[in-house]
Amino acid sequence: MVILVVGADRLGNIHEQLCREGAQEIIHWTGRCKTCVNRCIPKRVEKIIVFYDFINHPLMGNIKKQANKAGIPVIYSKRALSHKPDGLLA
């Protein structure tokens, strides 16, 4: 499974957790970059995780719009893995 993670400055142990839950590839966008607002979600992405404490509003709107159009499920989490105890990909 290819996962797009948007919003964390560094992934830290998030990368390891996602790999344990079945992610084969993880793409990371920090979410604070002003030039990231108009990025296109890669076609191979199967799921998106948005850490909404660390993302600018225009990027959030763009991700939401593209994901809805492509039918990609989006998981919203506040800050870290600890805020989603049942696992990020569940």
PDB file of N, CA and C in Angstrom:
ATOM      1  N   MET A   1       0.844  -1.171   0.000  1.00  0.00           N
ATOM      2  CA  MET A   1       0.000   0.000   0.000  1.00  0.00           C
ATOM      3  C   MET A   1       0.892   1.237   0.000  1.00  0.00           C
ATOM      4  N   VAL A   2       0.523   2.232  -0.781  1.00  0.00           N
ATOM      5  CA  VAL A   2       1.259   3.488  -0.842  1.00  0.00           C
ATOM      6  C   VAL A   2       0.474   4.528  -0.041  1.00  0.00           C
ATOM      7  N   ILE A   3       1.135   5.131   0.931  1.00  0.00           N
ATOM      8  CA  ILE A   3       0.511   6.088   1.843  1.00  0.00           C
ATOM      9  C   ILE A   3       1.122   7.465   1.633  1.00  0.00           C
ATOM     10  N   LEU A   4       0.284   8.491   1.575  1.00  0.00           N
ATOM     11  CA  LEU A   4       0.747   9.875   1.575  1.00  0.00           C
ATOM     12  C   LEU A   4       0.494  10.425   2.966  1.00  0.00           C
ATOM     13  N   VAL A   5       1.547  10.876   3.622  1.00  0.00           N
ATOM     14  CA  VAL A   5       1.431  11.498   4.943  1.00  0.00           C
ATOM     15  C   VAL A   5       1.653  12.992   4.761  1.00  0.00           C
ATOM     16  N   VAL A   6       0.686  13.779   5.214  1.00  0.00           N
ATOM     17  CA  VAL A   6       0.767  15.224   5.068  1.00  0.00           C
ATOM     18  C   VAL A   6       0.695  15.855   6.445  1.00  0.00           C
ATOM     19  N   GLY A   7       1.673  16.709   6.769  1.00  0.00           N
ATOM     20  CA  GLY A   7       1.533  17.521   7.949  1.00  0.00           C
ATOM     21  C   GLY A   7       2.528  17.383   9.074  1.00  0.00           C
ATOM     22  N   ALA A   8       3.337  16.396   9.138  1.00  0.00           N
ATOM     23  CA  ALA A   8       4.330  16.292  10.212  1.00  0.00           C
ATOM     24  C   ALA A   8       5.665  16.831   9.694  1.00  0.00           C
ATOM     25  N   ASP A   9       6.409  17.513  10.545  1.00  0.00           N
ATOM     26  CA  ASP A   9       7.721  18.008  10.121  1.00  0.00           C
ATOM     27  C   ASP A   9       8.679  16.847   9.883  1.00  0.00           C
ATOM     28  N   ARG A  10       8.674  15.898  10.809  1.00  0.00           N
ATOM     29  CA  ARG A  10       9.488  14.675  10.690  1.00  0.00           C
ATOM     30  C   ARG A  10       8.585  13.500  11.004  1.00  0.00           C
ATOM     31  N   LEU A  11       8.812  12.388  10.352  1.00  0.00           N
ATOM     32  CA  LEU A  11       7.958  11.229  10.591  1.00  0.00           C
ATOM     33  C   LEU A  11       8.352  10.437  11.826  1.00  0.00           C
ATOM     34  N   GLY A  12       9.621  10.417  12.179  1.00  0.00           N
ATOM     35  CA  GLY A  12      10.050   9.687  13.371  1.00  0.00           C
ATOM     36  C   GLY A  12       9.550   8.257  13.371  1.00  0.00           C
ATOM     37  N   ASN A  13       8.870   7.843  14.446  1.00  0.00           N
ATOM     38  CA  ASN A  13       8.385   6.469  14.551  1.00  0.00           C
ATOM     39  C   ASN A  13       7.119   6.211  13.739  1.00  0.00           C
ATOM     40  N   ILE A  14       6.555   7.238  13.140  1.00  0.00           N
ATOM     41  CA  ILE A  14       5.368   7.071  12.295  1.00  0.00           C
ATOM     42  C   ILE A  14       5.695   6.163  11.114  1.00  0.00           C
ATOM     43  N   HIS A  15       6.878   6.329  10.544  1.00  0.00           N
ATOM     44  CA  HIS A  15       7.312   5.508   9.407  1.00  0.00           C
ATOM     45  C   HIS A  15       7.317   4.030   9.790  1.00  0.00           C
ATOM     46  N   GLU A  16       7.900   3.717  10.930  1.00  0.00           N
ATOM     47  CA  GLU A  16       7.966   2.325  11.401  1.00  0.00           C
ATOM     48  C   GLU A  16       6.574   1.757  11.647  1.00  0.00           C
ATOM     49  N   GLN A  17       5.704   2.543  12.266  1.00  0.00           N
ATOM     50  CA  GLN A  17       4.337   2.103  12.561  1.00  0.00           C
ATOM     51  C   GLN A  17       3.578   1.801  11.273  1.00  0.00           C
ATOM     52  N   LEU A  18       3.700   2.668  10.294  1.00  0.00           N
ATOM     53  CA  LEU A  18       2.994   2.466   9.025  1.00  0.00           C
ATOM     54  C   LEU A  18       3.503   1.221   8.301  1.00  0.00           C
ATOM     55  N   CYS A  19       4.794   0.989   8.362  1.00  0.00           N
ATOM     56  CA  CYS A  19       5.363  -0.224   7.746  1.00  0.00           C
ATOM     57  C   CYS A  19       4.828  -1.479   8.432  1.00  0.00           C
ATOM     58  N   ARG A  20       4.710  -1.444   9.761  1.00  0.00           N
ATOM     59  CA  ARG A  20       4.154  -2.587  10.501  1.00  0.00           C
ATOM     60  C   ARG A  20       2.687  -2.829  10.128  1.00  0.00           C
ATOM     61  N   GLU A  21       1.988  -1.762   9.749  1.00  0.00           N
ATOM     62  CA  GLU A  21       0.568  -1.875   9.412  1.00  0.00           C
ATOM     63  C   GLU A  21       0.337  -2.155   7.931  1.00  0.00           C
ATOM     64  N   GLY A  22       1.417  -2.341   7.157  1.00  0.00           N
ATOM     65  CA  GLY A  22       1.251  -2.775   5.777  1.00  0.00           C
ATOM     66  C   GLY A  22       1.639  -1.805   4.691  1.00  0.00           C
ATOM     67  N   ALA A  23       2.177  -0.650   5.033  1.00  0.00           N
ATOM     68  CA  ALA A  23       2.590   0.312   4.007  1.00  0.00           C
ATOM     69  C   ALA A  23       3.899  -0.142   3.363  1.00  0.00           C
ATOM     70  N   GLN A  24       3.914  -0.192   2.031  1.00  0.00           N
ATOM     71  CA  GLN A  24       5.156  -0.533   1.329  1.00  0.00           C
ATOM     72  C   GLN A  24       5.933   0.727   0.951  1.00  0.00           C
ATOM     73  N   GLU A  25       5.212   1.833   0.709  1.00  0.00           N
ATOM     74  CA  GLU A  25       5.859   3.091   0.352  1.00  0.00           C
ATOM     75  C   GLU A  25       5.156   4.218   1.090  1.00  0.00           C
ATOM     76  N   ILE A  26       5.957   5.158   1.614  1.00  0.00           N
ATOM     77  CA  ILE A  26       5.413   6.296   2.336  1.00  0.00           C
ATOM     78  C   ILE A  26       5.948   7.566   1.697  1.00  0.00           C
ATOM     79  N   ILE A  27       5.036   8.414   1.247  1.00  0.00           N
ATOM     80  CA  ILE A  27       5.378   9.712   0.673  1.00  0.00           C
ATOM     81  C   ILE A  27       5.040  10.746   1.734  1.00  0.00           C
ATOM     82  N   HIS A  28       5.954  11.685   1.985  1.00  0.00           N
ATOM     83  CA  HIS A  28       5.734  12.658   3.059  1.00  0.00           C
ATOM     84  C   HIS A  28       5.810  14.092   2.539  1.00  0.00           C
ATOM     85  N   TRP A  29       4.758  14.864   2.827  1.00  0.00           N
ATOM     86  CA  TRP A  29       4.747  16.309   2.582  1.00  0.00           C
ATOM     87  C   TRP A  29       4.621  16.985   3.938  1.00  0.00           C
ATOM     88  N   THR A  30       5.488  17.964   4.226  1.00  0.00           N
ATOM     89  CA  THR A  30       5.484  18.567   5.559  1.00  0.00           C
ATOM     90  C   THR A  30       4.205  19.325   5.880  1.00  0.00           C
ATOM     91  N   GLY A  31       3.610  20.002   4.934  1.00  0.00           N
ATOM     92  CA  GLY A  31       2.360  20.708   5.205  1.00  0.00           C
ATOM     93  C   GLY A  31       2.532  22.161   5.561  1.00  0.00           C
ATOM     94  N   ARG A  32       3.731  22.607   5.826  1.00  0.00           N
ATOM     95  CA  ARG A  32       3.947  24.015   6.156  1.00  0.00           C
ATOM     96  C   ARG A  32       4.488  24.806   4.971  1.00  0.00           C
ATOM     97  N   CYS A  33       4.944  24.101   3.976  1.00  0.00           N
ATOM     98  CA  CYS A  33       5.557  24.712   2.805  1.00  0.00           C
ATOM     99  C   CYS A  33       4.507  25.426   1.951  1.00  0.00           C
ATOM    100  N   LYS A  34       4.711  26.708   1.670  1.00  0.00           N
ATOM    101  CA  LYS A  34       3.740  27.467   0.885  1.00  0.00           C
ATOM    102  C   LYS A  34       3.699  27.008  -0.566  1.00  0.00           C
ATOM    103  N   THR A  35       4.792  26.461  -1.066  1.00  0.00           N
ATOM    104  CA  THR A  35       4.813  25.994  -2.451  1.00  0.00           C
ATOM    105  C   THR A  35       4.164  24.619  -2.601  1.00  0.00           C
ATOM    106  N   CYS A  36       3.844  23.972  -1.486  1.00  0.00           N
ATOM    107  CA  CYS A  36       3.216  22.639  -1.519  1.00  0.00           C
ATOM    108  C   CYS A  36       1.716  22.707  -1.774  1.00  0.00           C
ATOM    109  N   VAL A  37       1.144  23.884  -1.681  1.00  0.00           N
ATOM    110  CA  VAL A  37      -0.309  24.039  -1.740  1.00  0.00           C
ATOM    111  C   VAL A  37      -0.906  23.458  -3.017  1.00  0.00           C
ATOM    112  N   ASN A  38      -0.247  23.617  -4.139  1.00  0.00           N
ATOM    113  CA  ASN A  38      -0.803  23.172  -5.417  1.00  0.00           C
ATOM    114  C   ASN A  38      -0.261  21.826  -5.887  1.00  0.00           C
ATOM    115  N   ARG A  39       0.355  21.071  -5.012  1.00  0.00           N
ATOM    116  CA  ARG A  39       0.864  19.751  -5.384  1.00  0.00           C
ATOM    117  C   ARG A  39      -0.272  18.816  -5.742  1.00  0.00           C
ATOM    118  N   CYS A  40       0.013  17.903  -6.649  1.00  0.00           N
ATOM    119  CA  CYS A  40      -0.968  16.887  -7.038  1.00  0.00           C
ATOM    120  C   CYS A  40      -0.640  15.584  -6.316  1.00  0.00           C
ATOM    121  N   ILE A  41      -1.667  14.923  -5.845  1.00  0.00           N
ATOM    122  CA  ILE A  41      -1.492  13.633  -5.196  1.00  0.00           C
ATOM    123  C   ILE A  41      -1.050  12.623  -6.257  1.00  0.00           C
ATOM    124  N   PRO A  42       0.054  11.919  -6.023  1.00  0.00           N
ATOM    125  CA  PRO A  42       0.492  10.912  -6.988  1.00  0.00           C
ATOM    126  C   PRO A  42      -0.585   9.844  -7.206  1.00  0.00           C
ATOM    127  N   LYS A  43      -0.719   9.374  -8.428  1.00  0.00           N
ATOM    128  CA  LYS A  43      -1.773   8.414  -8.787  1.00  0.00           C
ATOM    129  C   LYS A  43      -1.659   7.087  -8.050  1.00  0.00           C
ATOM    130  N   ARG A  44      -0.456   6.731  -7.600  1.00  0.00           N
ATOM    131  CA  ARG A  44      -0.270   5.438  -6.941  1.00  0.00           C
ATOM    132  C   ARG A  44      -0.672   5.442  -5.465  1.00  0.00           C
ATOM    133  N   VAL A  45      -1.007   6.605  -4.909  1.00  0.00           N
ATOM    134  CA  VAL A  45      -1.386   6.715  -3.493  1.00  0.00           C
ATOM    135  C   VAL A  45      -2.728   6.027  -3.265  1.00  0.00           C
ATOM    136  N   GLU A  46      -2.767   5.162  -2.232  1.00  0.00           N
ATOM    137  CA  GLU A  46      -3.977   4.410  -1.905  1.00  0.00           C
ATOM    138  C   GLU A  46      -4.679   4.926  -0.657  1.00  0.00           C
ATOM    139  N   LYS A  47      -3.958   5.642   0.192  1.00  0.00           N
ATOM    140  CA  LYS A  47      -4.538   6.182   1.415  1.00  0.00           C
ATOM    141  C   LYS A  47      -3.741   7.421   1.807  1.00  0.00           C
ATOM    142  N   ILE A  48      -4.420   8.384   2.442  1.00  0.00           N
ATOM    143  CA  ILE A  48      -3.779   9.625   2.871  1.00  0.00           C
ATOM    144  C   ILE A  48      -3.992   9.788   4.364  1.00  0.00           C
ATOM    145  N   ILE A  49      -2.938  10.180   5.064  1.00  0.00           N
ATOM    146  CA  ILE A  49      -3.031  10.515   6.485  1.00  0.00           C
ATOM    147  C   ILE A  49      -2.660  11.985   6.623  1.00  0.00           C
ATOM    148  N   VAL A  50      -3.553  12.764   7.223  1.00  0.00           N
ATOM    149  CA  VAL A  50      -3.325  14.192   7.411  1.00  0.00           C
ATOM    150  C   VAL A  50      -3.214  14.474   8.901  1.00  0.00           C
ATOM    151  N   PHE A  51      -2.069  15.006   9.311  1.00  0.00           N
ATOM    152  CA  PHE A  51      -1.901  15.493  10.688  1.00  0.00           C
ATOM    153  C   PHE A  51      -2.287  16.964  10.665  1.00  0.00           C
ATOM    154  N   TYR A  52      -3.518  17.253  11.038  1.00  0.00           N
ATOM    155  CA  TYR A  52      -4.080  18.577  10.807  1.00  0.00           C
ATOM    156  C   TYR A  52      -3.565  19.660  11.745  1.00  0.00           C
ATOM    157  N   ASP A  53      -2.805  19.330  12.759  1.00  0.00           N
ATOM    158  CA  ASP A  53      -2.177  20.364  13.584  1.00  0.00           C
ATOM    159  C   ASP A  53      -0.983  20.993  12.871  1.00  0.00           C
ATOM    160  N   PHE A  54      -0.493  20.341  11.851  1.00  0.00           N
ATOM    161  CA  PHE A  54       0.733  20.787  11.186  1.00  0.00           C
ATOM    162  C   PHE A  54       0.529  20.984   9.693  1.00  0.00           C
ATOM    163  N   ILE A  55      -0.550  21.627   9.293  1.00  0.00           N
ATOM    164  CA  ILE A  55      -0.822  21.815   7.868  1.00  0.00           C
ATOM    165  C   ILE A  55      -1.501  23.160   7.652  1.00  0.00           C
ATOM    166  N   ASN A  56      -1.156  23.831   6.555  1.00  0.00           N
ATOM    167  CA  ASN A  56      -1.808  25.107   6.285  1.00  0.00           C
ATOM    168  C   ASN A  56      -3.175  24.856   5.632  1.00  0.00           C
ATOM    169  N   HIS A  57      -4.068  25.809   5.777  1.00  0.00           N
ATOM    170  CA  HIS A  57      -5.451  25.632   5.331  1.00  0.00           C
ATOM    171  C   HIS A  57      -5.603  25.421   3.826  1.00  0.00           C
ATOM    172  N   PRO A  58      -4.889  26.189   2.987  1.00  0.00           N
ATOM    173  CA  PRO A  58      -5.034  25.950   1.545  1.00  0.00           C
ATOM    174  C   PRO A  58      -4.615  24.538   1.127  1.00  0.00           C
ATOM    175  N   LEU A  59      -3.561  24.002   1.738  1.00  0.00           N
ATOM    176  CA  LEU A  59      -3.129  22.646   1.410  1.00  0.00           C
ATOM    177  C   LEU A  59      -4.177  21.630   1.866  1.00  0.00           C
ATOM    178  N   MET A  60      -4.747  21.842   3.028  1.00  0.00           N
ATOM    179  CA  MET A  60      -5.796  20.946   3.530  1.00  0.00           C
ATOM    180  C   MET A  60      -6.958  20.899   2.543  1.00  0.00           C
ATOM    181  N   GLY A  61      -7.389  22.055   2.060  1.00  0.00           N
ATOM    182  CA  GLY A  61      -8.486  22.102   1.096  1.00  0.00           C
ATOM    183  C   GLY A  61      -8.141  21.392  -0.198  1.00  0.00           C
ATOM    184  N   ASN A  62      -6.918  21.570  -0.675  1.00  0.00           N
ATOM    185  CA  ASN A  62      -6.469  20.937  -1.909  1.00  0.00           C
ATOM    186  C   ASN A  62      -6.432  19.420  -1.775  1.00  0.00           C
ATOM    187  N   ILE A  63      -5.890  18.933  -0.665  1.00  0.00           N
ATOM    188  CA  ILE A  63      -5.818  17.484  -0.419  1.00  0.00           C
ATOM    189  C   ILE A  63      -7.224  16.898  -0.378  1.00  0.00           C
ATOM    190  N   LYS A  64      -8.109  17.543   0.364  1.00  0.00           N
ATOM    191  CA  LYS A  64      -9.477  17.059   0.523  1.00  0.00           C
ATOM    192  C   LYS A  64     -10.192  16.978  -0.837  1.00  0.00           C
ATOM    193  N   LYS A  65     -10.043  18.017  -1.637  1.00  0.00           N
ATOM    194  CA  LYS A  65     -10.683  18.070  -2.952  1.00  0.00           C
ATOM    195  C   LYS A  65     -10.161  16.972  -3.874  1.00  0.00           C
ATOM    196  N   GLN A  66      -8.835  16.832  -3.946  1.00  0.00           N
ATOM    197  CA  GLN A  66      -8.239  15.813  -4.810  1.00  0.00           C
ATOM    198  C   GLN A  66      -8.600  14.397  -4.351  1.00  0.00           C
ATOM    199  N   ALA A  67      -8.573  14.181  -3.038  1.00  0.00           N
ATOM    200  CA  ALA A  67      -8.881  12.849  -2.499  1.00  0.00           C
ATOM    201  C   ALA A  67     -10.327  12.470  -2.796  1.00  0.00           C
ATOM    202  N   ASN A  68     -11.247  13.402  -2.619  1.00  0.00           N
ATOM    203  CA  ASN A  68     -12.658  13.134  -2.915  1.00  0.00           C
ATOM    204  C   ASN A  68     -12.852  12.798  -4.390  1.00  0.00           C
ATOM    205  N   LYS A  69     -12.208  13.564  -5.243  1.00  0.00           N
ATOM    206  CA  LYS A  69     -12.331  13.356  -6.689  1.00  0.00           C
ATOM    207  C   LYS A  69     -11.781  11.986  -7.101  1.00  0.00           C
ATOM    208  N   ALA A  70     -10.672  11.565  -6.482  1.00  0.00           N
ATOM    209  CA  ALA A  70     -10.023  10.301  -6.835  1.00  0.00           C
ATOM    210  C   ALA A  70     -10.550   9.106  -6.029  1.00  0.00           C
ATOM    211  N   GLY A  71     -11.372   9.366  -5.024  1.00  0.00           N
ATOM    212  CA  GLY A  71     -11.907   8.283  -4.194  1.00  0.00           C
ATOM    213  C   GLY A  71     -10.865   7.680  -3.254  1.00  0.00           C
ATOM    214  N   ILE A  72      -9.901   8.483  -2.838  1.00  0.00           N
ATOM    215  CA  ILE A  72      -8.851   8.016  -1.936  1.00  0.00           C
ATOM    216  C   ILE A  72      -9.293   8.279  -0.496  1.00  0.00           C
ATOM    217  N   PRO A  73      -9.276   7.262   0.368  1.00  0.00           N
ATOM    218  CA  PRO A  73      -9.650   7.485   1.763  1.00  0.00           C
ATOM    219  C   PRO A  73      -8.622   8.361   2.486  1.00  0.00           C
ATOM    220  N   VAL A  74      -9.132   9.260   3.332  1.00  0.00           N
ATOM    221  CA  VAL A  74      -8.273  10.167   4.100  1.00  0.00           C
ATOM    222  C   VAL A  74      -8.522   9.932   5.581  1.00  0.00           C
ATOM    223  N   ILE A  75      -7.445   9.793   6.330  1.00  0.00           N
ATOM    224  CA  ILE A  75      -7.519   9.662   7.777  1.00  0.00           C
ATOM    225  C   ILE A  75      -6.976  10.953   8.372  1.00  0.00           C
ATOM    226  N   TYR A  76      -7.757  11.590   9.233  1.00  0.00           N
ATOM    227  CA  TYR A  76      -7.333  12.823   9.889  1.00  0.00           C
ATOM    228  C   TYR A  76      -6.949  12.499  11.319  1.00  0.00           C
ATOM    229  N   SER A  77      -5.773  12.955  11.725  1.00  0.00           N
ATOM    230  CA  SER A  77      -5.291  12.730  13.084  1.00  0.00           C
ATOM    231  C   SER A  77      -4.755  14.047  13.621  1.00  0.00           C
ATOM    232  N   LYS A  78      -4.944  14.270  14.897  1.00  0.00           N
ATOM    233  CA  LYS A  78      -4.566  15.549  15.477  1.00  0.00           C
ATOM    234  C   LYS A  78      -3.069  15.808  15.469  1.00  0.00           C
ATOM    235  N   ARG A  79      -2.300  14.937  16.045  1.00  0.00           N
ATOM    236  CA  ARG A  79      -0.910  15.298  16.252  1.00  0.00           C
ATOM    237  C   ARG A  79       0.078  14.167  16.045  1.00  0.00           C
ATOM    238  N   ALA A  80      -0.251  12.974  16.466  1.00  0.00           N
ATOM    239  CA  ALA A  80       0.721  11.882  16.440  1.00  0.00           C
ATOM    240  C   ALA A  80      -0.004  10.548  16.507  1.00  0.00           C
ATOM    241  N   LEU A  81       0.760   9.482  16.503  1.00  0.00           N
ATOM    242  CA  LEU A  81       0.194   8.142  16.593  1.00  0.00           C
ATOM    243  C   LEU A  81      -0.614   7.949  17.863  1.00  0.00           C
ATOM    244  N   SER A  82      -0.214   8.596  18.933  1.00  0.00           N
ATOM    245  CA  SER A  82      -0.904   8.430  20.215  1.00  0.00           C
ATOM    246  C   SER A  82      -2.341   8.919  20.176  1.00  0.00           C
ATOM    247  N   HIS A  83      -2.697   9.753  19.210  1.00  0.00           N
ATOM    248  CA  HIS A  83      -4.059  10.257  19.093  1.00  0.00           C
ATOM    249  C   HIS A  83      -4.954   9.312  18.294  1.00  0.00           C
ATOM    250  N   LYS A  84      -4.407   8.232  17.802  1.00  0.00           N
ATOM    251  CA  LYS A  84      -5.181   7.243  17.048  1.00  0.00           C
ATOM    252  C   LYS A  84      -4.747   5.852  17.504  1.00  0.00           C
ATOM    253  N   PRO A  85      -5.137   5.418  18.691  1.00  0.00           N
ATOM    254  CA  PRO A  85      -4.639   4.177  19.279  1.00  0.00           C
ATOM    255  C   PRO A  85      -4.976   2.908  18.499  1.00  0.00           C
ATOM    256  N   ASP A  86      -6.019   2.927  17.668  1.00  0.00           N
ATOM    257  CA  ASP A  86      -6.399   1.727  16.936  1.00  0.00           C
ATOM    258  C   ASP A  86      -5.553   1.532  15.677  1.00  0.00           C
ATOM    259  N   GLY A  87      -4.533   2.334  15.495  1.00  0.00           N
ATOM    260  CA  GLY A  87      -3.675   2.208  14.325  1.00  0.00           C
ATOM    261  C   GLY A  87      -4.055   3.225  13.271  1.00  0.00           C
ATOM    262  N   LEU A  88      -3.079   3.669  12.543  1.00  0.00           N
ATOM    263  CA  LEU A  88      -3.335   4.703  11.557  1.00  0.00           C
ATOM    264  C   LEU A  88      -4.050   4.186  10.321  1.00  0.00           C
ATOM    265  N   LEU A  89      -3.853   2.946   9.967  1.00  0.00           N
ATOM    266  CA  LEU A  89      -4.452   2.455   8.732  1.00  0.00           C
ATOM    267  C   LEU A  89      -5.765   1.725   8.946  1.00  0.00           C
ATOM    268  N   ALA A  90      -6.211   1.634  10.192  1.00  0.00           N
ATOM    269  CA  ALA A  90      -7.464   0.924  10.500  1.00  0.00           C
ATOM    270  C   ALA A  90      -8.673   1.713  10.030  1.00  0.00           C
TER     271      ALA A  90
END
